[in-house]
Amino acid sequence: MRTLFFLFAFLGLSTRLCAAPPKEDNVKLDEPTKKACERAYDWLKSKQNEDGSWGDARYPHNTAITSFVLLAYMSQGHIPNQGKYGPEVAKGIRFIIASARESDGYLAGRGGGNMYCHGMSTLVLSQAWGMTKDEETKNTLKRAVDLIVRSQSPEGGWRYSPSPSGSDISVTIMQVMALRGAKDSGIHVPDKTLKNALEYINKCYDPGSGGYCYMPMTRAPGFARTAAGVCVVKLTGEYDKNVDRSIDYMLSQMDFPREHYWYGHYYACHAMHQVGGKAWEKYYTNMRNKLLESQNEDGNWTKPIEHSAGTIYSTAIGVIILSVPANYLPIFQR
């Protein structure tokens, strides 16, 4: 039944009528939070490269990091050439488009990226296309979606390379989010592709803990993987007791996870927003207070946990978390 619910939700059928609607809440984007985001936006603007990209020493001119920054700007209504930071967003989108490999539309860029980069970049293009209807963005998005579809493994998932050569839940969910964003914006995505992907994600669920594992029947569940799994479940409108157990597991692990703090909260904030009500209020208030208290004077975030991908990455996700109440990004809207 779990897989069936997943499938129906993605096919656009009536499972959302059966799902519990998000509960009402009083979460707002207040002035101190807006000012914190403004400081972060200014800092991120100062770090943009001439080619429109963002990156750190370990990952220079990186399409995934660039995409996280673009989502941060777009999450408060700054879209290409619109809004205070519209010019920076336009440059970033042009960088993503220019990064597409001529032969197949692969968005890993010249810096040696992988399907993480491609999936994240595809998601950003889906949001940009949905907001602007720019034809060049649409054409690049369509090629990126086609590559994802062709690269799906026989198991139903994806791994690091643009070929059907394995699966793990992290890369798979990145592609599913990209496909969902594209489908919502009007790009054709085969139903079978989504069905098989969601069946694979379902196999990664650990009934003993309520969490999600890296691969079916391998490794212990983790905070980031479970947050990603819950995010997909809530955004597709599925409702069953397993989702509630997964949320409980995620919340029990979120303060000091063993790994992937920022990446996990990128998914957790959107998952909890879909839950709504007092649970969302408690989560957001907790994260807001932590982020405002730990923001550095120049506007970036290196605490509570510094990430190996660098300060640009953690700062972008910090803004994304704080900006959820603005409800601008179509894919994450209730």
C-alpha atoms as a PDB file:
ATOM      1  CA  MET A   1       0.000   0.000   0.000  1.00  0.00           C
ATOM      2  CA  ARG A   2       2.858   2.377   0.760  1.00  0.00           C
ATOM      3  CA  THR A   3       4.240   2.136  -2.751  1.00  0.00           C
ATOM      4  CA  LEU A   4       0.750   2.431  -4.237  1.00  0.00           C
ATOM      5  CA  PHE A   5       0.137   5.678  -2.420  1.00  0.00           C
ATOM      6  CA  PHE A   6       3.467   7.007  -3.709  1.00  0.00           C
ATOM      7  CA  LEU A   7       2.551   6.123  -7.266  1.00  0.00           C
ATOM      8  CA  PHE A   8      -0.917   7.628  -7.208  1.00  0.00           C
ATOM      9  CA  ALA A   9       0.367  10.887  -5.764  1.00  0.00           C
ATOM     10  CA  PHE A  10       2.907  11.288  -8.520  1.00  0.00           C
ATOM     11  CA  LEU A  11       0.415  10.410 -11.226  1.00  0.00           C
ATOM     12  CA  GLY A  12      -1.659  13.366 -10.102  1.00  0.00           C
ATOM     13  CA  LEU A  13      -4.580  11.237  -8.898  1.00  0.00           C
ATOM     14  CA  SER A  14      -6.643  11.759  -5.799  1.00  0.00           C
ATOM     15  CA  THR A  15      -4.411  10.649  -2.937  1.00  0.00           C
ATOM     16  CA  ARG A  16      -4.120  14.236  -1.752  1.00  0.00           C
ATOM     17  CA  LEU A  17      -7.796  14.011  -0.914  1.00  0.00           C
ATOM     18  CA  CYS A  18      -6.958  11.151   1.442  1.00  0.00           C
ATOM     19  CA  ALA A  19      -3.869  12.761   2.925  1.00  0.00           C
ATOM     20  CA  ALA A  20      -4.075  14.704   6.134  1.00  0.00           C
ATOM     21  CA  PRO A  21      -3.872  18.394   5.164  1.00  0.00           C
ATOM     22  CA  PRO A  22      -1.148  20.521   6.795  1.00  0.00           C
ATOM     23  CA  LYS A  23      -2.279  21.915  10.100  1.00  0.00           C
ATOM     24  CA  GLU A  24      -2.612  25.652  10.539  1.00  0.00           C
ATOM     25  CA  ASP A  25       0.263  27.513  12.148  1.00  0.00           C
ATOM     26  CA  ASN A  26       1.422  31.007  13.038  1.00  0.00           C
ATOM     27  CA  VAL A  27       4.904  30.856  11.520  1.00  0.00           C
ATOM     28  CA  LYS A  28       5.877  34.148   9.868  1.00  0.00           C
ATOM     29  CA  LEU A  29       9.022  35.632   8.373  1.00  0.00           C
ATOM     30  CA  ASP A  30       9.688  38.330  10.987  1.00  0.00           C
ATOM     31  CA  GLU A  31      11.901  41.411  10.646  1.00  0.00           C
ATOM     32  CA  PRO A  32      14.979  40.065  12.489  1.00  0.00           C
ATOM     33  CA  THR A  33      14.886  36.998  10.230  1.00  0.00           C
ATOM     34  CA  LYS A  34      14.534  39.136   7.093  1.00  0.00           C
ATOM     35  CA  LYS A  35      17.533  41.213   8.194  1.00  0.00           C
ATOM     36  CA  ALA A  36      19.586  38.073   8.832  1.00  0.00           C
ATOM     37  CA  CYS A  37      18.742  36.834   5.354  1.00  0.00           C
ATOM     38  CA  GLU A  38      19.620  40.222   3.868  1.00  0.00           C
ATOM     39  CA  ARG A  39      23.074  40.056   5.457  1.00  0.00           C
ATOM     40  CA  ALA A  40      23.508  36.543   4.091  1.00  0.00           C
ATOM     41  CA  TYR A  41      22.346  37.627   0.629  1.00  0.00           C
ATOM     42  CA  ASP A  42      24.866  40.467   0.588  1.00  0.00           C
ATOM     43  CA  TRP A  43      27.654  38.115   1.634  1.00  0.00           C
ATOM     44  CA  LEU A  44      26.676  35.557  -1.008  1.00  0.00           C
ATOM     45  CA  LYS A  45      26.537  38.303  -3.642  1.00  0.00           C
ATOM     46  CA  SER A  46      30.142  39.231  -2.805  1.00  0.00           C
ATOM     47  CA  LYS A  47      31.211  35.623  -3.397  1.00  0.00           C
ATOM     48  CA  GLN A  48      29.702  35.183  -6.861  1.00  0.00           C
ATOM     49  CA  ASN A  49      32.276  34.438  -9.539  1.00  0.00           C
ATOM     50  CA  GLU A  50      32.533  36.361 -12.798  1.00  0.00           C
ATOM     51  CA  ASP A  51      30.982  33.447 -14.703  1.00  0.00           C
ATOM     52  CA  GLY A  52      27.899  33.577 -12.451  1.00  0.00           C
ATOM     53  CA  SER A  53      28.816  30.545 -10.352  1.00  0.00           C
ATOM     54  CA  TRP A  54      29.471  30.015  -6.677  1.00  0.00           C
ATOM     55  CA  GLY A  55      31.838  27.520  -5.097  1.00  0.00           C
ATOM     56  CA  ASP A  56      34.521  26.945  -2.479  1.00  0.00           C
ATOM     57  CA  ALA A  57      38.143  25.894  -2.666  1.00  0.00           C
ATOM     58  CA  ARG A  58      37.250  22.210  -2.662  1.00  0.00           C
ATOM     59  CA  TYR A  59      34.373  22.653  -5.124  1.00  0.00           C
ATOM     60  CA  PRO A  60      35.112  25.678  -7.367  1.00  0.00           C
ATOM     61  CA  HIS A  61      32.540  26.857  -9.919  1.00  0.00           C
ATOM     62  CA  ASN A  62      30.235  24.087  -8.757  1.00  0.00           C
ATOM     63  CA  THR A  63      26.750  23.641 -10.243  1.00  0.00           C
ATOM     64  CA  ALA A  64      25.281  22.125  -7.062  1.00  0.00           C
ATOM     65  CA  ILE A  65      26.564  24.873  -4.752  1.00  0.00           C
ATOM     66  CA  THR A  66      25.448  27.454  -7.297  1.00  0.00           C
ATOM     67  CA  SER A  67      22.011  25.853  -7.342  1.00  0.00           C
ATOM     68  CA  PHE A  68      21.663  25.933  -3.554  1.00  0.00           C
ATOM     69  CA  VAL A  69      22.526  29.642  -3.603  1.00  0.00           C
ATOM     70  CA  LEU A  70      20.006  30.278  -6.372  1.00  0.00           C
ATOM     71  CA  LEU A  71      17.303  28.480  -4.377  1.00  0.00           C
ATOM     72  CA  ALA A  72      18.196  30.680  -1.394  1.00  0.00           C
ATOM     73  CA  TYR A  73      17.629  33.834  -3.440  1.00  0.00           C
ATOM     74  CA  MET A  74      14.528  32.503  -5.195  1.00  0.00           C
ATOM     75  CA  SER A  75      13.003  31.445  -1.865  1.00  0.00           C
ATOM     76  CA  GLN A  76      12.285  35.111  -1.124  1.00  0.00           C
ATOM     77  CA  GLY A  77      11.155  36.093  -4.601  1.00  0.00           C
ATOM     78  CA  HIS A  78      14.444  37.095  -6.212  1.00  0.00           C
ATOM     79  CA  ILE A  79      14.159  35.570  -9.677  1.00  0.00           C
ATOM     80  CA  PRO A  80      16.145  36.302 -12.867  1.00  0.00           C
ATOM     81  CA  ASN A  81      16.219  40.083 -13.348  1.00  0.00           C
ATOM     82  CA  GLN A  82      13.440  40.630 -10.804  1.00  0.00           C
ATOM     83  CA  GLY A  83      13.911  41.652  -7.186  1.00  0.00           C
ATOM     84  CA  LYS A  84      16.898  43.243  -5.498  1.00  0.00           C
ATOM     85  CA  TYR A  85      19.175  40.314  -6.317  1.00  0.00           C
ATOM     86  CA  GLY A  86      17.599  39.515  -9.673  1.00  0.00           C
ATOM     87  CA  PRO A  87      20.805  40.291 -11.629  1.00  0.00           C
ATOM     88  CA  GLU A  88      22.820  37.832  -9.527  1.00  0.00           C
ATOM     89  CA  VAL A  89      20.157  35.159  -9.982  1.00  0.00           C
ATOM     90  CA  ALA A  90      20.109  35.758 -13.751  1.00  0.00           C
ATOM     91  CA  LYS A  91      23.894  35.327 -13.913  1.00  0.00           C
ATOM     92  CA  GLY A  92      23.668  32.142 -11.880  1.00  0.00           C
ATOM     93  CA  ILE A  93      20.973  30.652 -14.114  1.00  0.00           C
ATOM     94  CA  ARG A  94      23.054  31.508 -17.194  1.00  0.00           C
ATOM     95  CA  PHE A  95      25.988  29.660 -15.609  1.00  0.00           C
ATOM     96  CA  ILE A  96      23.846  26.560 -15.059  1.00  0.00           C
ATOM     97  CA  ILE A  97      22.589  26.665 -18.646  1.00  0.00           C
ATOM     98  CA  ALA A  98      26.125  27.157 -19.999  1.00  0.00           C
ATOM     99  CA  SER A  99      27.312  24.168 -17.942  1.00  0.00           C
ATOM    100  CA  ALA A 100      25.139  21.719 -19.877  1.00  0.00           C
ATOM    101  CA  ARG A 101      27.253  19.170 -21.717  1.00  0.00           C
ATOM    102  CA  GLU A 102      26.622  19.560 -25.419  1.00  0.00           C
ATOM    103  CA  SER A 103      26.262  15.862 -26.113  1.00  0.00           C
ATOM    104  CA  ASP A 104      23.576  15.009 -23.550  1.00  0.00           C
ATOM    105  CA  GLY A 105      22.646  17.993 -21.353  1.00  0.00           C
ATOM    106  CA  TYR A 106      24.563  16.762 -18.287  1.00  0.00           C
ATOM    107  CA  LEU A 107      24.707  19.617 -15.737  1.00  0.00           C
ATOM    108  CA  ALA A 108      27.733  18.502 -13.729  1.00  0.00           C
ATOM    109  CA  GLY A 109      29.847  21.352 -15.089  1.00  0.00           C
ATOM    110  CA  ARG A 110      33.543  21.479 -15.831  1.00  0.00           C
ATOM    111  CA  GLY A 111      34.592  20.964 -12.229  1.00  0.00           C
ATOM    112  CA  GLY A 112      34.014  17.227 -12.168  1.00  0.00           C
ATOM    113  CA  GLY A 113      30.557  17.101 -10.629  1.00  0.00           C
ATOM    114  CA  ASN A 114      28.158  14.182 -10.540  1.00  0.00           C
ATOM    115  CA  MET A 115      24.453  13.338 -10.463  1.00  0.00           C
ATOM    116  CA  TYR A 116      24.052  15.274  -7.211  1.00  0.00           C
ATOM    117  CA  CYS A 117      25.044  18.362  -9.176  1.00  0.00           C
ATOM    118  CA  HIS A 118      22.845  17.429 -12.104  1.00  0.00           C
ATOM    119  CA  GLY A 119      19.769  16.750  -9.963  1.00  0.00           C
ATOM    120  CA  MET A 120      20.105  19.936  -7.945  1.00  0.00           C
ATOM    121  CA  SER A 121      20.672  22.020 -11.070  1.00  0.00           C
ATOM    122  CA  THR A 122      17.661  20.432 -12.757  1.00  0.00           C
ATOM    123  CA  LEU A 123      15.499  21.304  -9.745  1.00  0.00           C
ATOM    124  CA  VAL A 124      16.618  24.931  -9.882  1.00  0.00           C
ATOM    125  CA  LEU A 125      15.906  25.153 -13.611  1.00  0.00           C
ATOM    126  CA  SER A 126      12.426  23.720 -13.009  1.00  0.00           C
ATOM    127  CA  GLN A 127      11.693  26.466 -10.497  1.00  0.00           C
ATOM    128  CA  ALA A 128      13.163  29.168 -12.739  1.00  0.00           C
ATOM    129  CA  TRP A 129      11.179  27.923 -15.737  1.00  0.00           C
ATOM    130  CA  GLY A 130       7.988  27.788 -13.694  1.00  0.00           C
ATOM    131  CA  MET A 131       8.464  31.393 -12.590  1.00  0.00           C
ATOM    132  CA  THR A 132       9.796  32.995 -15.796  1.00  0.00           C
ATOM    133  CA  LYS A 133       8.768  30.792 -18.776  1.00  0.00           C
ATOM    134  CA  ASP A 134      12.117  31.536 -20.406  1.00  0.00           C
ATOM    135  CA  GLU A 135      12.513  29.285 -23.462  1.00  0.00           C
ATOM    136  CA  GLU A 136      16.270  28.734 -23.101  1.00  0.00           C
ATOM    137  CA  THR A 137      15.724  27.602 -19.531  1.00  0.00           C
ATOM    138  CA  LYS A 138      12.957  25.261 -20.690  1.00  0.00           C
ATOM    139  CA  ASN A 139      15.088  23.684 -23.403  1.00  0.00           C
ATOM    140  CA  THR A 140      17.976  23.043 -21.004  1.00  0.00           C
ATOM    141  CA  LEU A 141      15.545  21.677 -18.426  1.00  0.00           C
ATOM    142  CA  LYS A 142      14.004  19.234 -20.897  1.00  0.00           C
ATOM    143  CA  ARG A 143      17.409  17.833 -21.847  1.00  0.00           C
ATOM    144  CA  ALA A 144      18.338  17.519 -18.168  1.00  0.00           C
ATOM    145  CA  VAL A 145      15.120  15.624 -17.424  1.00  0.00           C
ATOM    146  CA  ASP A 146      15.671  13.287 -20.368  1.00  0.00           C
ATOM    147  CA  LEU A 147      19.150  12.452 -19.050  1.00  0.00           C
ATOM    148  CA  ILE A 148      17.737  11.605 -15.614  1.00  0.00           C
ATOM    149  CA  VAL A 149      15.160   9.314 -17.189  1.00  0.00           C
ATOM    150  CA  ARG A 150      17.790   7.544 -19.314  1.00  0.00           C
ATOM    151  CA  SER A 151      20.139   7.128 -16.341  1.00  0.00           C
ATOM    152  CA  GLN A 152      17.697   5.335 -14.030  1.00  0.00           C
ATOM    153  CA  SER A 153      19.023   1.972 -12.869  1.00  0.00           C
ATOM    154  CA  PRO A 154      17.084  -1.292 -13.115  1.00  0.00           C
ATOM    155  CA  GLU A 155      16.532  -0.998  -9.336  1.00  0.00           C
ATOM    156  CA  GLY A 156      14.660   2.241  -9.890  1.00  0.00           C
ATOM    157  CA  GLY A 157      17.215   4.651  -8.438  1.00  0.00           C
ATOM    158  CA  TRP A 158      20.311   6.603  -9.392  1.00  0.00           C
ATOM    159  CA  ARG A 159      23.901   6.888  -8.247  1.00  0.00           C
ATOM    160  CA  TYR A 160      26.819   9.189  -9.021  1.00  0.00           C
ATOM    161  CA  SER A 161      27.273   8.761 -12.774  1.00  0.00           C
ATOM    162  CA  PRO A 162      24.793   9.554 -15.586  1.00  0.00           C
ATOM    163  CA  SER A 163      24.291   5.903 -16.399  1.00  0.00           C
ATOM    164  CA  PRO A 164      22.066   3.085 -15.068  1.00  0.00           C
ATOM    165  CA  SER A 165      24.816   1.777 -12.797  1.00  0.00           C
ATOM    166  CA  GLY A 166      23.483   1.596  -9.245  1.00  0.00           C
ATOM    167  CA  SER A 167      21.279   3.311  -6.696  1.00  0.00           C
ATOM    168  CA  ASP A 168      21.318   4.980  -3.298  1.00  0.00           C
ATOM    169  CA  ILE A 169      18.591   6.925  -1.542  1.00  0.00           C
ATOM    170  CA  SER A 170      20.417  10.259  -1.428  1.00  0.00           C
ATOM    171  CA  VAL A 171      21.129  10.613  -5.146  1.00  0.00           C
ATOM    172  CA  THR A 172      17.754   9.056  -5.961  1.00  0.00           C
ATOM    173  CA  ILE A 173      15.754  11.558  -3.925  1.00  0.00           C
ATOM    174  CA  MET A 174      17.698  14.401  -5.526  1.00  0.00           C
ATOM    175  CA  GLN A 175      16.559  13.156  -8.942  1.00  0.00           C
ATOM    176  CA  VAL A 176      12.974  12.573  -7.768  1.00  0.00           C
ATOM    177  CA  MET A 177      12.750  16.141  -6.488  1.00  0.00           C
ATOM    178  CA  ALA A 178      14.082  17.402  -9.825  1.00  0.00           C
ATOM    179  CA  LEU A 179      11.574  15.287 -11.752  1.00  0.00           C
ATOM    180  CA  ARG A 180       8.707  16.419  -9.541  1.00  0.00           C
ATOM    181  CA  GLY A 181       9.679  20.067 -10.017  1.00  0.00           C
ATOM    182  CA  ALA A 182       9.861  19.556 -13.768  1.00  0.00           C
ATOM    183  CA  LYS A 183       6.543  17.706 -13.909  1.00  0.00           C
ATOM    184  CA  ASP A 184       4.811  20.394 -11.869  1.00  0.00           C
ATOM    185  CA  SER A 185       6.139  23.045 -14.272  1.00  0.00           C
ATOM    186  CA  GLY A 186       4.699  21.243 -17.285  1.00  0.00           C
ATOM    187  CA  ILE A 187       7.655  19.181 -18.510  1.00  0.00           C
ATOM    188  CA  HIS A 188       6.824  15.594 -19.489  1.00  0.00           C
ATOM    189  CA  VAL A 189       8.125  12.971 -17.050  1.00  0.00           C
ATOM    190  CA  PRO A 190       7.240   9.307 -17.693  1.00  0.00           C
ATOM    191  CA  ASP A 191       4.969   7.884 -15.013  1.00  0.00           C
ATOM    192  CA  LYS A 192       6.980   4.658 -15.002  1.00  0.00           C
ATOM    193  CA  THR A 193      10.162   6.524 -14.088  1.00  0.00           C
ATOM    194  CA  LEU A 194       8.550   7.996 -10.984  1.00  0.00           C
ATOM    195  CA  LYS A 195       6.806   4.746 -10.072  1.00  0.00           C
ATOM    196  CA  ASN A 196      10.069   2.797 -10.148  1.00  0.00           C
ATOM    197  CA  ALA A 197      11.939   5.496  -8.227  1.00  0.00           C
ATOM    198  CA  LEU A 198       9.367   5.607  -5.456  1.00  0.00           C
ATOM    199  CA  GLU A 199       9.355   1.831  -5.169  1.00  0.00           C
ATOM    200  CA  TYR A 200      13.130   1.974  -4.660  1.00  0.00           C
ATOM    201  CA  ILE A 201      12.802   4.657  -1.958  1.00  0.00           C
ATOM    202  CA  ASN A 202      10.179   2.536  -0.252  1.00  0.00           C
ATOM    203  CA  LYS A 203      12.663  -0.346  -0.068  1.00  0.00           C
ATOM    204  CA  CYS A 204      15.075   1.886   1.869  1.00  0.00           C
ATOM    205  CA  TYR A 205      12.560   2.341   4.696  1.00  0.00           C
ATOM    206  CA  ASP A 206      13.616   0.668   7.957  1.00  0.00           C
ATOM    207  CA  PRO A 207      10.504  -0.533   9.828  1.00  0.00           C
ATOM    208  CA  GLY A 208      12.508  -1.130  13.009  1.00  0.00           C
ATOM    209  CA  SER A 209      13.385   2.528  13.539  1.00  0.00           C
ATOM    210  CA  GLY A 210      11.080   4.404  11.197  1.00  0.00           C
ATOM    211  CA  GLY A 211      14.118   5.881   9.443  1.00  0.00           C
ATOM    212  CA  TYR A 212      15.495   5.518   5.952  1.00  0.00           C
ATOM    213  CA  CYS A 213      18.735   3.748   5.043  1.00  0.00           C
ATOM    214  CA  TYR A 214      21.330   4.565   2.406  1.00  0.00           C
ATOM    215  CA  MET A 215      20.457   1.435   0.448  1.00  0.00           C
ATOM    216  CA  PRO A 216      17.881  -1.332   0.975  1.00  0.00           C
ATOM    217  CA  MET A 217      18.843  -3.550   3.906  1.00  0.00           C
ATOM    218  CA  THR A 218      22.246  -1.887   4.310  1.00  0.00           C
ATOM    219  CA  ARG A 219      23.668   0.504   6.916  1.00  0.00           C
ATOM    220  CA  ALA A 220      21.787   2.090   9.771  1.00  0.00           C
ATOM    221  CA  PRO A 221      19.205   4.797   9.113  1.00  0.00           C
ATOM    222  CA  GLY A 222      20.347   8.396   9.418  1.00  0.00           C
ATOM    223  CA  PHE A 223      18.953  11.876   9.986  1.00  0.00           C
ATOM    224  CA  ALA A 224      19.628  13.311   6.524  1.00  0.00           C
ATOM    225  CA  ARG A 225      18.396  10.251   4.650  1.00  0.00           C
ATOM    226  CA  THR A 226      15.247  10.140   6.756  1.00  0.00           C
ATOM    227  CA  ALA A 227      14.622  13.869   6.350  1.00  0.00           C
ATOM    228  CA  ALA A 228      14.899  13.420   2.581  1.00  0.00           C
ATOM    229  CA  GLY A 229      12.535  10.453   2.682  1.00  0.00           C
ATOM    230  CA  VAL A 230       9.964  12.297   4.790  1.00  0.00           C
ATOM    231  CA  CYS A 231      10.194  15.319   2.500  1.00  0.00           C
ATOM    232  CA  VAL A 232       9.321  13.199  -0.534  1.00  0.00           C
ATOM    233  CA  VAL A 233       6.509  11.427   1.340  1.00  0.00           C
ATOM    234  CA  LYS A 234       4.922  14.687   2.494  1.00  0.00           C
ATOM    235  CA  LEU A 235       5.312  16.489  -0.823  1.00  0.00           C
ATOM    236  CA  THR A 236       3.637  13.651  -2.702  1.00  0.00           C
ATOM    237  CA  GLY A 237       0.680  13.649  -0.319  1.00  0.00           C
ATOM    238  CA  GLU A 238       1.087  10.137   1.069  1.00  0.00           C
ATOM    239  CA  TYR A 239      -0.358   9.538   4.508  1.00  0.00           C
ATOM    240  CA  ASP A 240       0.102   6.463   6.674  1.00  0.00           C
ATOM    241  CA  LYS A 241       1.442   5.574  10.095  1.00  0.00           C
ATOM    242  CA  ASN A 242       4.934   4.952   8.706  1.00  0.00           C
ATOM    243  CA  VAL A 243       5.292   8.615   7.808  1.00  0.00           C
ATOM    244  CA  ASP A 244       4.539   9.607  11.388  1.00  0.00           C
ATOM    245  CA  ARG A 245       7.165   7.152  12.674  1.00  0.00           C
ATOM    246  CA  SER A 246       9.689   8.565  10.213  1.00  0.00           C
ATOM    247  CA  ILE A 247       8.995  12.080  11.435  1.00  0.00           C
ATOM    248  CA  ASP A 248       9.524  10.950  15.032  1.00  0.00           C
ATOM    249  CA  TYR A 249      12.861   9.372  14.109  1.00  0.00           C
ATOM    250  CA  MET A 250      13.970  12.465  12.177  1.00  0.00           C
ATOM    251  CA  LEU A 251      13.134  14.812  15.050  1.00  0.00           C
ATOM    252  CA  SER A 252      14.952  12.589  17.544  1.00  0.00           C
ATOM    253  CA  GLN A 253      18.151  12.865  15.512  1.00  0.00           C
ATOM    254  CA  MET A 254      18.127  16.420  14.239  1.00  0.00           C
ATOM    255  CA  ASP A 255      19.975  18.437  16.902  1.00  0.00           C
ATOM    256  CA  PHE A 256      23.296  16.650  16.732  1.00  0.00           C
ATOM    257  CA  PRO A 257      23.261  14.212  13.811  1.00  0.00           C
ATOM    258  CA  ARG A 258      26.350  12.148  13.163  1.00  0.00           C
ATOM    259  CA  GLU A 259      26.670  13.538   9.640  1.00  0.00           C
ATOM    260  CA  HIS A 260      25.138  15.856   7.024  1.00  0.00           C
ATOM    261  CA  TYR A 261      23.685  18.496   9.353  1.00  0.00           C
ATOM    262  CA  TRP A 262      22.994  21.158   6.714  1.00  0.00           C
ATOM    263  CA  TYR A 263      21.890  18.787   3.980  1.00  0.00           C
ATOM    264  CA  GLY A 264      19.538  17.060   6.408  1.00  0.00           C
ATOM    265  CA  HIS A 265      17.916  20.300   7.511  1.00  0.00           C
ATOM    266  CA  TYR A 266      17.495  21.375   3.881  1.00  0.00           C
ATOM    267  CA  TYR A 267      15.013  18.507   3.606  1.00  0.00           C
ATOM    268  CA  ALA A 268      13.732  18.574   7.202  1.00  0.00           C
ATOM    269  CA  CYS A 269      12.577  22.198   7.029  1.00  0.00           C
ATOM    270  CA  HIS A 270      10.392  21.496   4.013  1.00  0.00           C
ATOM    271  CA  ALA A 271       9.112  18.231   5.452  1.00  0.00           C
ATOM    272  CA  MET A 272       8.056  19.917   8.690  1.00  0.00           C
ATOM    273  CA  HIS A 273       6.467  22.782   6.762  1.00  0.00           C
ATOM    274  CA  GLN A 274       4.242  20.210   5.071  1.00  0.00           C
ATOM    275  CA  VAL A 275       3.358  18.744   8.473  1.00  0.00           C
ATOM    276  CA  GLY A 276       2.339  22.193   9.719  1.00  0.00           C
ATOM    277  CA  GLY A 277       0.752  22.970  13.067  1.00  0.00           C
ATOM    278  CA  LYS A 278       2.559  23.039  16.395  1.00  0.00           C
ATOM    279  CA  ALA A 279       5.211  20.579  15.195  1.00  0.00           C
ATOM    280  CA  TRP A 280       6.234  22.955  12.405  1.00  0.00           C
ATOM    281  CA  GLU A 281       6.107  25.973  14.727  1.00  0.00           C
ATOM    282  CA  LYS A 282       8.389  24.222  17.221  1.00  0.00           C
ATOM    283  CA  TYR A 283      10.839  23.078  14.539  1.00  0.00           C
ATOM    284  CA  TYR A 284      11.024  26.463  12.811  1.00  0.00           C
ATOM    285  CA  THR A 285      11.315  28.460  16.028  1.00  0.00           C
ATOM    286  CA  ASN A 286      14.142  26.203  17.185  1.00  0.00           C
ATOM    287  CA  MET A 287      16.039  26.485  13.894  1.00  0.00           C
ATOM    288  CA  ARG A 288      15.384  30.212  13.542  1.00  0.00           C
ATOM    289  CA  ASN A 289      16.755  30.928  16.995  1.00  0.00           C
ATOM    290  CA  LYS A 290      19.817  28.768  16.411  1.00  0.00           C
ATOM    291  CA  LEU A 291      20.572  30.378  13.067  1.00  0.00           C
ATOM    292  CA  LEU A 292      20.086  33.962  14.214  1.00  0.00           C
ATOM    293  CA  GLU A 293      22.264  33.348  17.277  1.00  0.00           C
ATOM    294  CA  SER A 294      25.046  31.662  15.313  1.00  0.00           C
ATOM    295  CA  GLN A 295      25.208  33.931  12.248  1.00  0.00           C
ATOM    296  CA  ASN A 296      28.634  35.469  11.817  1.00  0.00           C
ATOM    297  CA  GLU A 297      29.027  39.243  11.640  1.00  0.00           C
ATOM    298  CA  ASP A 298      29.634  39.218   7.901  1.00  0.00           C
ATOM    299  CA  GLY A 299      26.383  37.353   7.302  1.00  0.00           C
ATOM    300  CA  ASN A 300      27.494  33.772   6.725  1.00  0.00           C
ATOM    301  CA  TRP A 301      27.106  30.594   8.752  1.00  0.00           C
ATOM    302  CA  THR A 302      29.829  28.223   9.850  1.00  0.00           C
ATOM    303  CA  LYS A 303      28.018  27.066  12.995  1.00  0.00           C
ATOM    304  CA  PRO A 304      26.526  25.062  14.622  1.00  0.00           C
ATOM    305  CA  ILE A 305      28.416  22.607  12.386  1.00  0.00           C
ATOM    306  CA  GLU A 306      30.844  23.595   9.644  1.00  0.00           C
ATOM    307  CA  HIS A 307      30.347  21.668   6.414  1.00  0.00           C
ATOM    308  CA  SER A 308      33.084  20.198   4.240  1.00  0.00           C
ATOM    309  CA  ALA A 309      31.423  21.717   1.152  1.00  0.00           C
ATOM    310  CA  GLY A 310      32.224  25.148   2.545  1.00  0.00           C
ATOM    311  CA  THR A 311      30.658  28.271   3.969  1.00  0.00           C
ATOM    312  CA  ILE A 312      28.785  29.276   0.812  1.00  0.00           C
ATOM    313  CA  TYR A 313      26.920  25.968   0.939  1.00  0.00           C
ATOM    314  CA  SER A 314      25.976  26.230   4.624  1.00  0.00           C
ATOM    315  CA  THR A 315      24.999  29.893   4.265  1.00  0.00           C
ATOM    316  CA  ALA A 316      22.709  29.141   1.324  1.00  0.00           C
ATOM    317  CA  ILE A 317      20.945  26.388   3.257  1.00  0.00           C
ATOM    318  CA  GLY A 318      20.657  28.639   6.303  1.00  0.00           C
ATOM    319  CA  VAL A 319      18.748  31.153   4.180  1.00  0.00           C
ATOM    320  CA  ILE A 320      16.595  28.422   2.632  1.00  0.00           C
ATOM    321  CA  ILE A 321      15.569  27.205   6.099  1.00  0.00           C
ATOM    322  CA  LEU A 322      14.722  30.690   7.337  1.00  0.00           C
ATOM    323  CA  SER A 323      12.801  31.518   4.153  1.00  0.00           C
ATOM    324  CA  VAL A 324      10.337  28.621   4.178  1.00  0.00           C
ATOM    325  CA  PRO A 325       7.467  30.750   5.610  1.00  0.00           C
ATOM    326  CA  ALA A 326       7.736  33.057   2.566  1.00  0.00           C
ATOM    327  CA  ASN A 327       6.356  30.147   0.499  1.00  0.00           C
ATOM    328  CA  TYR A 328       7.800  31.321  -2.828  1.00  0.00           C
ATOM    329  CA  LEU A 329       9.283  28.143  -4.329  1.00  0.00           C
ATOM    330  CA  PRO A 330       6.523  26.247  -6.168  1.00  0.00           C
ATOM    331  CA  ILE A 331       7.829  22.768  -5.392  1.00  0.00           C
ATOM    332  CA  PHE A 332       7.687  23.339  -1.629  1.00  0.00           C
ATOM    333  CA  GLN A 333       4.349  25.110  -1.461  1.00  0.00           C
ATOM    334  CA  ARG A 334       1.541  23.410   0.446  1.00  0.00           C
END
